[in-house]
Amino acid sequence: MRRIARAVCRFGGLAVCLGAGSASAAAPTYHRDVAPILQKHCQDCHRPGQVAPFALLTFEQASKRAHDIVRVTAEGRMPPWHASVEGSVRFRDARVLPAGAAAVLSSWVEGGVLEGDPGDAPAPRNFGSEWGLGAPDLVLRSGEMYQVPAEGPDETRVFVIPTGLTEGRWVQGIDFRPTAPKVVHHVLAAFDTSGRARQLDARDPMPGYRTAGGYGFWPAGEMDGWAPGKAPHRLPDGVARYLPAGSDLLVQVHYHKSGKVEADATAVGLYFARAPVDKQLHATGVFPPVKNLLPLRWNLRIPAGAADHEVTGEDVIRQDIHIVAVIPHMHWLGKDFLLNAERPDGSATTLVKIDRWDFNWQETYDLAEPLALSKGTTLRMRAHFDNSPANAVNPSRPPVEVRWGEQTTDEMCIAFLHFTRDDEHLAGRPPARFRQPKEDSGR
């Protein structure tokens, strides 16, 4: 009977209490029921050396945090994933608990946080190489460790790393490995071919240079980013980013203080394309209306005390494309975010919908499959901001009027998109702006 009851309680690889058998047989245990959930959905971050503040690898660790685990999973705060998964667009690596998993965790606590039989436990996860995609083709890291102070406001620094490339390379995958992940809020990467970043670096006595956001100038191109929990992956076959010879990699790191001094030198692993590349990855963005052109500034003004201030923006796609990823961006006052694509034939697709914005978990939402959007499609962005005293993360007390700006106490409202152009066929050649004249003459 015990064997039958155990079989009845299995659901999707997880033991779910269905009320069969005795109360002791039905009650979830750590080894049989909880460990598989934590392995699959929590341990990427909740293990030594990762961003989470504690590990969840053993019964002792999990039982100590049992009530907190139930609370944050029931509230949908963990695993951290804020985009809706109910629309027609599917995302890669969505951190969402399967149906019934939160109930298993709750039943485990209600049943007395039982350990169970260690023989029921799955084999421990093997996290393998520190690099999620295996050994990179090229690893770049700043030559100096940056000492992150123990206390103070968040800061953003850009580290300039010569690539040493003597020829341009197509990059199909990128991974990031912070030395001190607990103080790294997020990482962005770009590249410079002008030498401007080296000039800014030389003016700052510390490793890298401080910036209020961005890179202090427009870089030659972008190279993806990282936030806690983001899994690295290769772009679809035939799609890559181009990194020209002699370029400098710019690694922008947003640090938040942990209460003790930390040393960081975030490493970047590059994976080169293994087959000819036909399309390069492009980037664009949807912004609010422009207020003035010189200097470029967008019309965003959030009144003090406004609890549901709406900001909109739109743009029209001027060629047939395939969307690869969507990256919403707001600061602390962000409340919700929506980006829709309305095609000329009247059909519409929700590209991303976030009902509860969290500045601490900004994601690159990679589509599971590239999405075709035809020329003339309108991208419509709508977001709301909470600048009221009731907003617990409002950085101003009392609230003040907030406008567009680079500081986290300012605000932004942007929908970045990664895409490929249907009319672009590179056949393995560099993008036109990085070609030598002899390469064009040989066409």
Protein backbone atom coordinates (compact mmCIF):
# COMPACT_ATOMS: atom_id res chain seq x y z
CA MET A 1 0.00 0.00 0.00
CA ARG A 2 2.84 2.38 0.78
CA ARG A 3 4.25 1.82 -2.73
CA ILE A 4 0.82 2.46 -4.29
CA ALA A 5 0.31 5.64 -2.24
CA ARG A 6 3.73 6.92 -3.31
CA ALA A 7 2.93 6.29 -6.97
CA VAL A 8 -0.42 8.03 -6.67
CA CYS A 9 1.27 11.10 -5.16
CA ARG A 10 3.71 11.56 -8.07
CA PHE A 11 2.92 14.47 -10.40
CA GLY A 12 5.31 15.88 -13.01
CA GLY A 13 8.32 14.46 -11.21
CA LEU A 14 7.17 16.04 -7.92
CA ALA A 15 5.36 14.28 -5.07
CA VAL A 16 2.01 16.00 -4.61
CA CYS A 17 -0.29 15.04 -1.77
CA LEU A 18 -3.63 13.84 -3.16
CA GLY A 19 -5.01 12.61 0.14
CA ALA A 20 -4.45 8.90 -0.59
CA GLY A 21 -3.32 6.60 2.20
CA SER A 22 -2.50 7.62 5.74
CA ALA A 23 -1.56 11.15 6.80
CA SER A 24 2.06 10.10 7.35
CA ALA A 25 2.29 8.60 3.84
CA ALA A 26 0.70 11.66 2.24
CA ALA A 27 2.80 14.32 3.99
CA PRO A 28 5.57 15.63 1.69
CA THR A 29 9.14 15.11 2.81
CA TYR A 30 12.28 17.02 1.96
CA HIS A 31 14.21 14.27 0.21
CA ARG A 32 11.33 12.88 -1.83
CA ASP A 33 9.28 15.97 -2.65
CA VAL A 34 11.04 19.26 -1.83
CA ALA A 35 14.62 18.62 -2.95
CA PRO A 36 13.63 18.11 -6.64
CA ILE A 37 11.86 21.49 -6.61
CA LEU A 38 14.78 23.31 -5.04
CA GLN A 39 17.26 21.65 -7.38
CA LYS A 40 15.44 22.67 -10.54
CA HIS A 41 14.14 26.11 -9.58
CA CYS A 42 16.31 27.54 -6.78
CA GLN A 43 19.84 26.19 -6.64
CA ASP A 44 21.18 28.11 -9.63
CA CYS A 45 21.25 31.14 -7.32
CA HIS A 46 20.96 29.53 -3.87
CA ARG A 47 24.40 27.93 -3.64
CA PRO A 48 27.84 29.12 -2.51
CA GLY A 49 29.42 31.78 -4.67
CA GLN A 50 26.16 32.85 -6.29
CA VAL A 51 24.01 35.93 -5.81
CA ALA A 52 21.50 34.56 -3.28
CA PRO A 53 22.26 35.35 0.39
CA PHE A 54 21.98 31.70 1.51
CA ALA A 55 22.25 28.18 0.09
CA LEU A 56 19.44 25.63 -0.35
CA LEU A 57 21.43 22.46 -0.97
CA THR A 58 20.65 20.41 2.16
CA PHE A 59 17.75 19.57 4.44
CA GLU A 60 19.30 21.62 7.24
CA GLN A 61 19.54 24.70 5.01
CA ALA A 62 16.04 24.33 3.57
CA SER A 63 14.29 23.54 6.86
CA LYS A 64 15.80 26.65 8.45
CA ARG A 65 14.20 28.74 5.68
CA ALA A 66 11.06 26.65 5.20
CA HIS A 67 8.48 29.26 6.19
CA ASP A 68 10.22 31.97 4.16
CA ILE A 69 10.34 29.66 1.12
CA VAL A 70 6.58 29.06 1.33
CA ARG A 71 5.83 32.76 1.73
CA VAL A 72 7.91 34.05 -1.19
CA THR A 73 6.80 31.29 -3.57
CA ALA A 74 3.14 31.77 -2.67
CA GLU A 75 3.50 35.51 -3.32
CA GLY A 76 5.22 34.86 -6.66
CA ARG A 77 8.38 36.69 -5.56
CA MET A 78 10.54 33.61 -6.01
CA PRO A 79 11.79 32.34 -8.33
CA PRO A 80 12.26 35.93 -9.58
CA TRP A 81 10.37 36.20 -12.87
CA HIS A 82 8.06 39.11 -13.59
CA ALA A 83 6.92 38.72 -17.18
CA SER A 84 3.58 37.08 -17.80
CA VAL A 85 3.82 33.64 -19.41
CA GLU A 86 0.14 33.53 -20.37
CA GLY A 87 0.47 35.22 -23.79
CA SER A 88 1.36 33.80 -27.18
CA VAL A 89 5.07 34.65 -26.83
CA ARG A 90 7.10 32.02 -25.00
CA PHE A 91 10.35 32.94 -23.24
CA ARG A 92 13.51 30.93 -22.92
CA ASP A 93 14.60 29.96 -19.37
CA ALA A 94 11.42 31.31 -17.73
CA ARG A 95 11.86 30.92 -13.97
CA VAL A 96 8.31 29.82 -13.14
CA LEU A 97 7.27 27.08 -10.73
CA PRO A 98 5.12 24.39 -12.35
CA ALA A 99 1.51 23.95 -11.26
CA GLY A 100 1.36 22.32 -7.84
CA ALA A 101 4.96 22.99 -6.77
CA ALA A 102 4.09 25.87 -4.44
CA ALA A 103 1.36 23.68 -2.92
CA VAL A 104 3.92 20.93 -2.26
CA LEU A 105 6.13 23.38 -0.40
CA SER A 106 3.20 24.66 1.62
CA SER A 107 2.08 21.12 2.49
CA TRP A 108 5.65 20.29 3.54
CA VAL A 109 5.59 23.09 6.12
CA GLU A 110 2.05 22.29 7.25
CA GLY A 111 3.06 18.64 7.66
CA GLY A 112 5.89 19.50 10.03
CA VAL A 113 8.91 20.04 7.71
CA LEU A 114 9.66 16.32 7.54
CA GLU A 115 13.10 15.20 6.33
CA GLY A 116 12.04 11.77 5.10
CA ASP A 117 14.24 8.98 3.80
CA PRO A 118 17.58 10.12 2.31
CA GLY A 119 17.25 7.18 -0.06
CA ASP A 120 14.39 9.02 -1.77
CA ALA A 121 16.59 12.02 -2.61
CA PRO A 122 17.60 12.74 -6.21
CA ALA A 123 21.29 12.78 -7.02
CA PRO A 124 22.88 16.15 -6.17
CA ARG A 125 23.09 18.55 -9.09
CA ASN A 126 26.40 18.72 -10.88
CA PHE A 127 26.88 22.34 -11.84
CA GLY A 128 29.91 21.38 -13.92
CA SER A 129 32.08 24.18 -15.26
CA GLU A 130 31.77 27.65 -13.81
CA TRP A 131 30.80 28.60 -17.36
CA GLY A 132 27.28 27.57 -18.28
CA LEU A 133 28.15 26.92 -21.95
CA GLY A 134 31.44 25.18 -21.24
CA ALA A 135 34.91 26.64 -21.69
CA PRO A 136 34.69 29.95 -23.63
CA ASP A 137 36.72 30.62 -26.75
CA LEU A 138 37.95 33.86 -25.18
CA VAL A 139 37.82 35.08 -21.57
CA LEU A 140 38.24 38.80 -20.90
CA ARG A 141 38.70 40.27 -17.44
CA SER A 142 39.87 43.59 -16.07
CA GLY A 143 43.49 43.45 -14.94
CA GLU A 144 42.63 45.14 -11.63
CA MET A 145 40.23 44.13 -8.87
CA TYR A 146 37.75 46.86 -7.96
CA GLN A 147 37.21 47.28 -4.22
CA VAL A 148 33.49 47.76 -3.68
CA PRO A 149 32.95 49.80 -0.47
CA ALA A 150 30.97 48.25 2.35
CA GLU A 151 28.35 50.98 2.49
CA GLY A 152 26.95 53.84 0.48
CA PRO A 153 24.71 54.35 -2.54
CA ASP A 154 24.77 52.08 -5.57
CA GLU A 155 27.39 52.87 -8.16
CA THR A 156 27.98 51.98 -11.79
CA ARG A 157 31.45 51.58 -13.27
CA VAL A 158 32.67 50.77 -16.75
CA PHE A 159 35.78 48.62 -17.14
CA VAL A 160 37.71 48.88 -20.41
CA ILE A 161 39.26 45.59 -21.56
CA PRO A 162 41.27 45.33 -24.81
CA THR A 163 40.05 42.29 -26.74
CA GLY A 164 43.40 41.67 -28.40
CA LEU A 165 41.61 40.48 -31.53
CA THR A 166 43.68 40.75 -34.68
CA GLU A 167 40.68 39.91 -36.82
CA GLY A 168 36.96 40.45 -36.38
CA ARG A 169 34.99 37.59 -34.86
CA TRP A 170 31.32 36.65 -34.79
CA VAL A 171 30.15 36.09 -31.21
CA GLN A 172 27.22 33.70 -30.82
CA GLY A 173 27.19 33.37 -27.03
CA ILE A 174 28.24 35.47 -24.04
CA ASP A 175 28.49 34.62 -20.35
CA PHE A 176 29.39 36.74 -17.33
CA ARG A 177 31.11 35.63 -14.12
CA PRO A 178 31.30 38.25 -11.36
CA THR A 179 33.99 37.66 -8.76
CA ALA A 180 31.69 39.07 -6.07
CA PRO A 181 28.17 38.21 -7.28
CA LYS A 182 26.48 39.30 -4.06
CA VAL A 183 27.25 42.95 -4.83
CA VAL A 184 26.70 42.85 -8.60
CA HIS A 185 23.21 44.07 -9.46
CA HIS A 186 23.63 43.61 -13.21
CA VAL A 187 26.22 43.72 -15.98
CA LEU A 188 26.01 45.21 -19.47
CA ALA A 189 28.62 44.91 -22.19
CA ALA A 190 29.41 46.87 -25.35
CA PHE A 191 32.47 47.56 -27.48
CA ASP A 192 34.39 50.67 -28.50
CA THR A 193 36.52 51.23 -31.59
CA SER A 194 37.18 54.96 -31.12
CA GLY A 195 39.46 55.00 -28.06
CA ARG A 196 36.98 57.21 -26.20
CA ALA A 197 36.51 54.69 -23.37
CA ARG A 198 40.27 54.52 -22.78
CA GLN A 199 40.32 58.32 -22.39
CA LEU A 200 37.55 58.19 -19.77
CA ASP A 201 39.34 55.36 -17.98
CA ALA A 202 42.59 57.32 -17.86
CA ARG A 203 40.87 60.25 -16.12
CA ASP A 204 39.57 58.08 -13.24
CA PRO A 205 42.20 57.00 -10.67
CA MET A 206 40.23 53.87 -9.77
CA PRO A 207 39.88 50.78 -11.99
CA GLY A 208 37.46 51.60 -14.79
CA TYR A 209 35.48 54.83 -14.69
CA ARG A 210 32.30 55.92 -12.96
CA THR A 211 29.16 56.58 -14.98
CA ALA A 212 25.64 57.57 -14.09
CA GLY A 213 24.36 55.04 -16.59
CA GLY A 214 25.25 53.89 -20.06
CA TYR A 215 28.88 54.26 -21.05
CA GLY A 216 29.38 58.01 -21.03
CA PHE A 217 29.15 58.06 -24.85
CA TRP A 218 27.55 56.01 -27.62
CA PRO A 219 29.65 52.82 -28.07
CA ALA A 220 30.16 51.18 -31.45
CA GLY A 221 27.92 48.26 -30.54
CA GLU A 222 26.38 46.30 -27.69
CA MET A 223 27.26 42.81 -26.46
CA ASP A 224 24.40 41.57 -24.22
CA GLY A 225 24.09 41.68 -20.43
CA TRP A 226 23.57 39.68 -17.26
CA ALA A 227 21.37 39.80 -14.18
CA PRO A 228 21.15 37.26 -11.32
CA GLY A 229 19.54 34.06 -12.55
CA LYS A 230 19.99 34.77 -16.27
CA ALA A 231 21.21 31.64 -18.02
CA PRO A 232 23.66 32.03 -20.93
CA HIS A 233 22.73 30.59 -24.31
CA ARG A 234 23.84 30.68 -27.89
CA LEU A 235 21.95 32.73 -30.45
CA PRO A 236 20.06 30.82 -33.16
CA ASP A 237 22.20 29.26 -35.88
CA GLY A 238 23.33 31.83 -38.42
CA VAL A 239 22.80 34.77 -36.02
CA ALA A 240 25.57 36.49 -34.03
CA ARG A 241 27.10 39.77 -32.89
CA TYR A 242 30.21 41.09 -34.62
CA LEU A 243 33.23 42.09 -32.54
CA PRO A 244 35.77 43.95 -34.72
CA ALA A 245 39.53 43.60 -34.57
CA GLY A 246 41.31 45.96 -32.18
CA SER A 247 38.14 46.81 -30.26
CA ASP A 248 37.84 47.34 -26.51
CA LEU A 249 35.19 45.48 -24.55
CA LEU A 250 33.26 47.76 -22.20
CA VAL A 251 31.92 45.99 -19.11
CA GLN A 252 29.42 48.14 -17.22
CA VAL A 253 28.81 46.80 -13.71
CA HIS A 254 26.11 48.10 -11.36
CA TYR A 255 27.24 47.51 -7.75
CA HIS A 256 25.12 47.58 -4.61
CA LYS A 257 26.79 47.48 -1.21
CA SER A 258 26.60 44.39 1.05
CA GLY A 259 27.82 45.78 4.38
CA LYS A 260 31.39 44.59 3.86
CA VAL A 261 34.14 45.41 1.39
CA GLU A 262 34.06 43.15 -1.67
CA ALA A 263 36.57 42.78 -4.51
CA ASP A 264 35.28 42.24 -8.04
CA ALA A 265 36.74 41.74 -11.50
CA THR A 266 33.83 40.45 -13.55
CA ALA A 267 34.96 38.09 -16.31
CA VAL A 268 33.27 37.83 -19.70
CA GLY A 269 33.35 34.59 -21.68
CA LEU A 270 32.88 34.82 -25.46
CA TYR A 271 31.76 31.93 -27.66
CA PHE A 272 32.52 32.35 -31.33
CA ALA A 273 30.17 31.21 -34.08
CA ARG A 274 30.98 27.76 -35.42
CA ALA A 275 29.25 28.18 -38.78
CA PRO A 276 28.88 31.03 -41.29
CA VAL A 277 26.75 33.91 -40.00
CA ASP A 278 24.03 35.24 -42.27
CA LYS A 279 22.44 37.80 -39.94
CA GLN A 280 23.79 40.08 -37.26
CA LEU A 281 21.84 40.90 -34.12
CA HIS A 282 20.49 44.46 -34.18
CA ALA A 283 19.07 46.56 -31.34
CA THR A 284 16.45 49.28 -31.21
CA GLY A 285 14.17 50.84 -28.61
CA VAL A 286 10.72 52.29 -28.03
CA PHE A 287 10.79 55.55 -26.04
CA PRO A 288 8.33 58.20 -24.87
CA PRO A 289 7.89 61.18 -27.22
CA VAL A 290 10.98 63.36 -27.68
CA LYS A 291 10.94 66.63 -25.74
CA ASN A 292 13.96 68.16 -27.45
CA LEU A 293 16.67 66.94 -29.81
CA LEU A 294 19.75 68.86 -28.63
CA PRO A 295 20.50 67.59 -26.11
CA LEU A 296 18.35 64.54 -26.76
CA ARG A 297 15.74 64.27 -24.01
CA TRP A 298 12.45 62.46 -23.74
CA ASN A 299 9.20 63.89 -22.44
CA LEU A 300 8.80 62.12 -19.14
CA ARG A 301 7.55 63.99 -16.06
CA ILE A 302 6.07 62.15 -13.08
CA PRO A 303 4.28 64.50 -10.64
CA ALA A 304 5.00 64.19 -6.92
CA GLY A 305 2.36 62.06 -5.25
CA ALA A 306 1.05 60.45 -8.47
CA ALA A 307 0.31 56.79 -7.73
CA ASP A 308 -0.54 55.61 -11.25
CA HIS A 309 1.11 57.96 -13.73
CA GLU A 310 0.93 56.64 -17.31
CA VAL A 311 3.72 56.93 -19.88
CA THR A 312 3.34 55.77 -23.47
CA GLY A 313 5.51 55.49 -26.54
CA GLU A 314 5.36 53.96 -29.99
CA ASP A 315 7.47 53.25 -33.03
CA VAL A 316 6.85 51.79 -36.49
CA ILE A 317 8.96 48.97 -37.89
CA ARG A 318 10.40 49.99 -41.25
CA GLN A 319 11.42 46.56 -42.59
CA ASP A 320 10.47 42.92 -42.09
CA ILE A 321 12.24 41.61 -38.99
CA HIS A 322 12.35 38.78 -36.46
CA ILE A 323 12.33 39.73 -32.77
CA VAL A 324 14.83 37.73 -30.68
CA ALA A 325 14.58 39.40 -27.24
CA VAL A 326 12.75 42.18 -25.36
CA ILE A 327 14.32 44.22 -22.54
CA PRO A 328 12.02 46.59 -20.58
CA HIS A 329 13.69 49.29 -18.53
CA MET A 330 12.43 51.60 -15.76
CA HIS A 331 13.79 52.68 -12.37
CA TRP A 332 12.43 52.55 -8.81
CA LEU A 333 9.07 54.20 -9.51
CA GLY A 334 8.13 51.66 -12.19
CA LYS A 335 4.82 49.90 -11.49
CA ASP A 336 3.88 47.90 -14.59
CA PHE A 337 4.95 47.61 -18.22
CA LEU A 338 3.33 46.50 -21.47
CA LEU A 339 4.66 46.25 -25.03
CA ASN A 340 2.38 45.20 -27.89
CA ALA A 341 3.04 44.68 -31.58
CA GLU A 342 0.12 45.64 -33.88
CA ARG A 343 0.59 44.37 -37.43
CA PRO A 344 -0.77 46.04 -40.59
CA ASP A 345 -3.24 43.16 -41.05
CA GLY A 346 -4.84 43.98 -37.68
CA SER A 347 -3.37 41.08 -35.70
CA ALA A 348 -1.58 41.88 -32.44
CA THR A 349 0.92 40.16 -30.17
CA THR A 350 1.91 41.05 -26.61
CA LEU A 351 5.71 41.02 -26.61
CA VAL A 352 6.07 41.46 -22.85
CA LYS A 353 3.68 42.20 -19.96
CA ILE A 354 4.90 42.89 -16.43
CA ASP A 355 2.21 43.45 -13.82
CA ARG A 356 4.60 44.10 -10.93
CA TRP A 357 7.81 45.86 -11.91
CA ASP A 358 10.87 45.22 -9.74
CA PHE A 359 13.96 47.34 -10.34
CA ASN A 360 16.08 44.69 -8.60
CA TRP A 361 15.24 42.06 -11.23
CA GLN A 362 15.57 43.57 -14.69
CA GLU A 363 15.63 40.88 -17.32
CA THR A 364 16.54 40.26 -20.90
CA TYR A 365 13.50 38.28 -22.03
CA ASP A 366 14.81 35.95 -24.72
CA LEU A 367 12.10 34.53 -26.95
CA ALA A 368 12.04 30.75 -27.23
CA GLU A 369 11.62 31.20 -31.00
CA PRO A 370 12.25 34.37 -33.08
CA LEU A 371 8.97 36.20 -33.80
CA ALA A 372 8.29 37.56 -37.31
CA LEU A 373 7.02 41.17 -37.49
CA SER A 374 6.27 42.71 -40.87
CA LYS A 375 7.11 46.17 -42.13
CA GLY A 376 4.56 48.70 -40.88
CA THR A 377 3.99 46.96 -37.53
CA THR A 378 3.47 49.46 -34.71
CA LEU A 379 5.16 48.83 -31.39
CA ARG A 380 3.09 50.35 -28.56
CA MET A 381 4.52 50.75 -25.08
CA ARG A 382 2.45 51.62 -22.00
CA ALA A 383 3.82 51.82 -18.46
CA HIS A 384 2.73 53.20 -15.10
CA PHE A 385 4.76 54.78 -12.30
CA ASP A 386 4.05 55.12 -8.59
CA ASN A 387 5.52 58.34 -7.19
CA SER A 388 3.36 58.31 -4.07
CA PRO A 389 4.41 58.03 -0.41
CA ALA A 390 2.84 54.54 -0.40
CA ASN A 391 5.54 53.24 -2.74
CA ALA A 392 7.92 51.55 -0.31
CA VAL A 393 10.89 51.85 -2.72
CA ASN A 394 10.32 55.49 -3.65
CA PRO A 395 13.83 56.99 -3.23
CA SER A 396 12.44 60.45 -2.32
CA ARG A 397 10.78 61.14 1.03
CA PRO A 398 8.57 63.10 0.62
CA PRO A 399 8.03 62.44 -3.11
CA VAL A 400 9.31 65.03 -5.58
CA GLU A 401 8.62 65.56 -9.27
CA VAL A 402 10.75 63.12 -11.27
CA ARG A 403 11.96 63.57 -14.84
CA TRP A 404 14.02 61.62 -17.35
CA GLY A 405 17.63 61.05 -16.26
CA GLU A 406 20.48 58.61 -15.77
CA GLN A 407 20.45 58.52 -11.94
CA THR A 408 18.35 55.83 -10.29
CA THR A 409 16.51 58.65 -8.52
CA ASP A 410 15.52 59.88 -12.01
CA GLU A 411 13.34 57.75 -14.27
CA MET A 412 13.31 56.11 -17.67
CA CYS A 413 10.79 54.20 -19.75
CA ILE A 414 12.28 52.15 -22.60
CA ALA A 415 11.52 48.93 -24.42
CA PHE A 416 14.76 47.68 -25.95
CA LEU A 417 14.51 45.00 -28.62
CA HIS A 418 17.02 42.64 -30.22
CA PHE A 419 16.14 41.62 -33.76
CA THR A 420 17.38 40.40 -37.12
CA ARG A 421 16.50 41.90 -40.51
CA ASP A 422 14.88 39.60 -43.04
CA ASP A 423 16.58 41.39 -45.96
CA GLU A 424 20.09 41.04 -44.52
CA HIS A 425 22.22 38.20 -45.89
CA LEU A 426 25.86 38.50 -44.87
CA ALA A 427 27.02 35.04 -45.98
CA GLY A 428 29.75 35.09 -43.35
CA ARG A 429 31.13 38.53 -44.26
CA PRO A 430 31.50 41.30 -41.63
CA PRO A 431 28.77 43.96 -41.40
CA ALA A 432 29.24 46.68 -44.02
CA ARG A 433 30.52 49.30 -41.56
CA PHE A 434 33.38 47.05 -40.49
CA ARG A 435 34.46 45.85 -43.95
CA GLN A 436 37.66 46.81 -45.66
CA PRO A 437 37.27 48.19 -49.21
CA LYS A 438 38.82 45.04 -50.68
CA GLU A 439 36.09 42.94 -49.05
CA ASP A 440 33.38 44.92 -50.82
CA SER A 441 35.22 44.87 -54.14
CA GLY A 442 35.35 41.09 -54.05
CA ARG A 443 31.58 40.65 -54.04
